[in-house]
Amino acid sequence: MKYMKQFGIILFLSFLGELLRALIPLPIPASIYGLVLMLAALTTGLLPLEKVRDAGKFLIEIMPLMFIPAAVGLLESWSVLLPILLPVAVITAVTTVAVMAVAGNVTQLVISRERKREDRRHPQRQEEEI
């Protein structure tokens, strides 16, 4: 029953995202509105993480299954995709590498800034390490 309640909360926020998409004339998918609502609710404390944690973990565990309908849709559209397969493959490869590079650099930047901040807070730790 706990999972049903938590899943219901997630579905409710997704439904609110659908409503926002219908009300706001921007080309933003409803799922993005729902994710922003979930983020806002969690960061403001309006929705404690414990209220959706278990259902969220479950949904993350089964996420690979959610790609099956999209893959089937691609297979059904194969005749349309075949003429542009090479450009799509190149774009996919280049953007994947670019996203990995940017994400890695941003992560390293955040980690180095956090270490500098910690060093300023606790200068005695830096002396102990030497």
Protein backbone atom coordinates (compact mmCIF):
# COMPACT_ATOMS: atom_id res chain seq x y z
CA MET A 1 0.00 0.00 0.00
CA LYS A 2 2.95 2.30 0.70
CA TYR A 3 4.11 1.96 -2.90
CA MET A 4 0.66 2.77 -4.22
CA LYS A 5 0.48 5.97 -2.17
CA GLN A 6 3.97 7.06 -3.25
CA PHE A 7 3.27 6.22 -6.87
CA GLY A 8 0.00 8.16 -6.60
CA ILE A 9 1.92 11.25 -5.47
CA ILE A 10 4.28 10.93 -8.43
CA LEU A 11 1.35 10.45 -10.82
CA PHE A 12 -0.41 13.48 -9.33
CA LEU A 13 2.62 15.68 -10.00
CA SER A 14 2.80 14.26 -13.52
CA PHE A 15 -0.87 15.12 -13.99
CA LEU A 16 -0.19 18.67 -12.81
CA GLY A 17 2.55 18.78 -15.45
CA GLU A 18 -0.02 17.79 -18.07
CA LEU A 19 -2.30 20.58 -16.88
CA LEU A 20 0.52 23.11 -17.04
CA ARG A 21 1.36 22.03 -20.58
CA ALA A 22 -2.26 22.61 -21.57
CA LEU A 23 -2.42 26.00 -19.84
CA ILE A 24 0.97 27.45 -20.72
CA PRO A 25 1.54 28.01 -24.47
CA LEU A 26 5.22 27.00 -24.51
CA PRO A 27 6.74 24.09 -26.47
CA ILE A 28 7.75 22.27 -23.28
CA PRO A 29 6.77 18.61 -22.75
CA ALA A 30 4.43 17.87 -19.86
CA SER A 31 6.99 15.49 -18.36
CA ILE A 32 9.42 18.40 -17.94
CA TYR A 33 6.77 20.41 -16.11
CA GLY A 34 6.14 17.40 -13.88
CA LEU A 35 9.85 16.97 -13.15
CA VAL A 36 10.21 20.66 -12.30
CA LEU A 37 7.21 20.41 -9.98
CA MET A 38 8.72 17.36 -8.30
CA LEU A 39 12.07 19.12 -7.91
CA ALA A 40 10.41 22.22 -6.47
CA ALA A 41 8.32 20.17 -4.06
CA LEU A 42 11.34 18.20 -2.85
CA THR A 43 13.73 21.15 -2.53
CA THR A 44 11.23 23.35 -0.70
CA GLY A 45 10.33 20.58 1.71
CA LEU A 46 6.69 20.68 0.61
CA LEU A 47 7.12 17.00 -0.25
CA PRO A 48 9.56 15.11 2.01
CA LEU A 49 11.76 12.65 0.12
CA GLU A 50 10.56 9.79 2.32
CA LYS A 51 7.06 10.22 0.84
CA VAL A 52 8.26 9.12 -2.64
CA ARG A 53 11.65 7.46 -2.10
CA ASP A 54 10.65 3.81 -2.40
CA ALA A 55 8.43 4.26 -5.44
CA GLY A 56 11.11 6.42 -7.07
CA LYS A 57 13.74 3.72 -6.52
CA PHE A 58 11.39 1.14 -8.01
CA LEU A 59 10.73 3.29 -11.08
CA ILE A 60 14.47 3.81 -11.59
CA GLU A 61 15.05 0.06 -11.35
CA ILE A 62 12.51 -0.69 -14.08
CA MET A 63 13.49 2.27 -16.28
CA PRO A 64 15.14 0.09 -18.97
CA LEU A 65 11.75 -1.53 -19.60
CA MET A 66 10.33 1.90 -20.39
CA PHE A 67 12.56 2.14 -23.47
CA ILE A 68 10.98 -0.90 -25.12
CA PRO A 69 7.94 0.98 -26.54
CA ALA A 70 10.24 3.68 -27.97
CA ALA A 71 12.45 1.04 -29.58
CA VAL A 72 9.41 -0.66 -31.11
CA GLY A 73 8.29 2.71 -32.46
CA LEU A 74 11.68 3.17 -34.10
CA LEU A 75 11.44 -0.27 -35.68
CA GLU A 76 8.02 0.59 -37.10
CA SER A 77 9.49 3.82 -38.57
CA TRP A 78 12.53 2.07 -40.06
CA SER A 79 11.59 2.90 -43.65
CA VAL A 80 11.54 6.62 -42.81
CA LEU A 81 14.76 6.47 -40.77
CA LEU A 82 16.85 4.44 -43.21
CA PRO A 83 17.68 7.31 -45.62
CA ILE A 84 18.92 9.52 -42.77
CA LEU A 85 20.56 6.79 -40.70
CA LEU A 86 24.17 7.93 -41.26
CA PRO A 87 23.60 11.59 -40.28
CA VAL A 88 21.57 10.53 -37.23
CA ALA A 89 24.30 8.07 -36.17
CA VAL A 90 27.03 10.71 -36.55
CA ILE A 91 25.01 13.33 -34.67
CA THR A 92 24.27 10.82 -31.92
CA ALA A 93 27.92 9.85 -31.54
CA VAL A 94 29.21 13.43 -31.56
CA THR A 95 26.61 14.72 -29.11
CA THR A 96 27.14 11.74 -26.80
CA VAL A 97 30.87 12.45 -26.62
CA ALA A 98 30.21 16.18 -26.18
CA VAL A 99 27.74 15.60 -23.35
CA MET A 100 30.15 13.20 -21.63
CA ALA A 101 33.00 15.73 -21.92
CA VAL A 102 30.94 18.64 -20.65
CA ALA A 103 29.45 16.59 -17.80
CA GLY A 104 32.91 15.36 -16.78
CA ASN A 105 34.41 18.85 -16.83
CA VAL A 106 31.52 20.35 -14.88
CA THR A 107 31.77 17.55 -12.32
CA GLN A 108 35.51 18.14 -11.91
CA LEU A 109 34.91 21.88 -11.55
CA VAL A 110 32.25 21.36 -8.88
CA ILE A 111 34.47 18.92 -6.97
CA SER A 112 37.48 21.27 -7.08
CA ARG A 113 35.36 24.22 -5.91
CA GLU A 114 33.96 22.13 -3.07
CA ARG A 115 37.47 21.09 -2.02
CA LYS A 116 38.62 24.72 -2.05
CA ARG A 117 35.61 25.69 0.04
CA GLU A 118 36.36 22.89 2.51
CA ASP A 119 40.02 23.96 2.68
CA ARG A 120 38.95 27.52 3.55
CA ARG A 121 36.60 26.25 6.25
CA HIS A 122 39.08 23.83 7.80
CA PRO A 123 42.66 25.04 7.18
CA GLN A 124 44.03 22.70 9.89
CA ARG A 125 43.03 19.66 7.80
CA GLN A 126 45.24 20.90 4.97
CA GLU A 127 48.21 21.18 7.38
CA GLU A 128 47.54 17.70 8.79
CA GLU A 129 47.58 16.17 5.29
CA ILE A 130 51.02 17.59 4.56
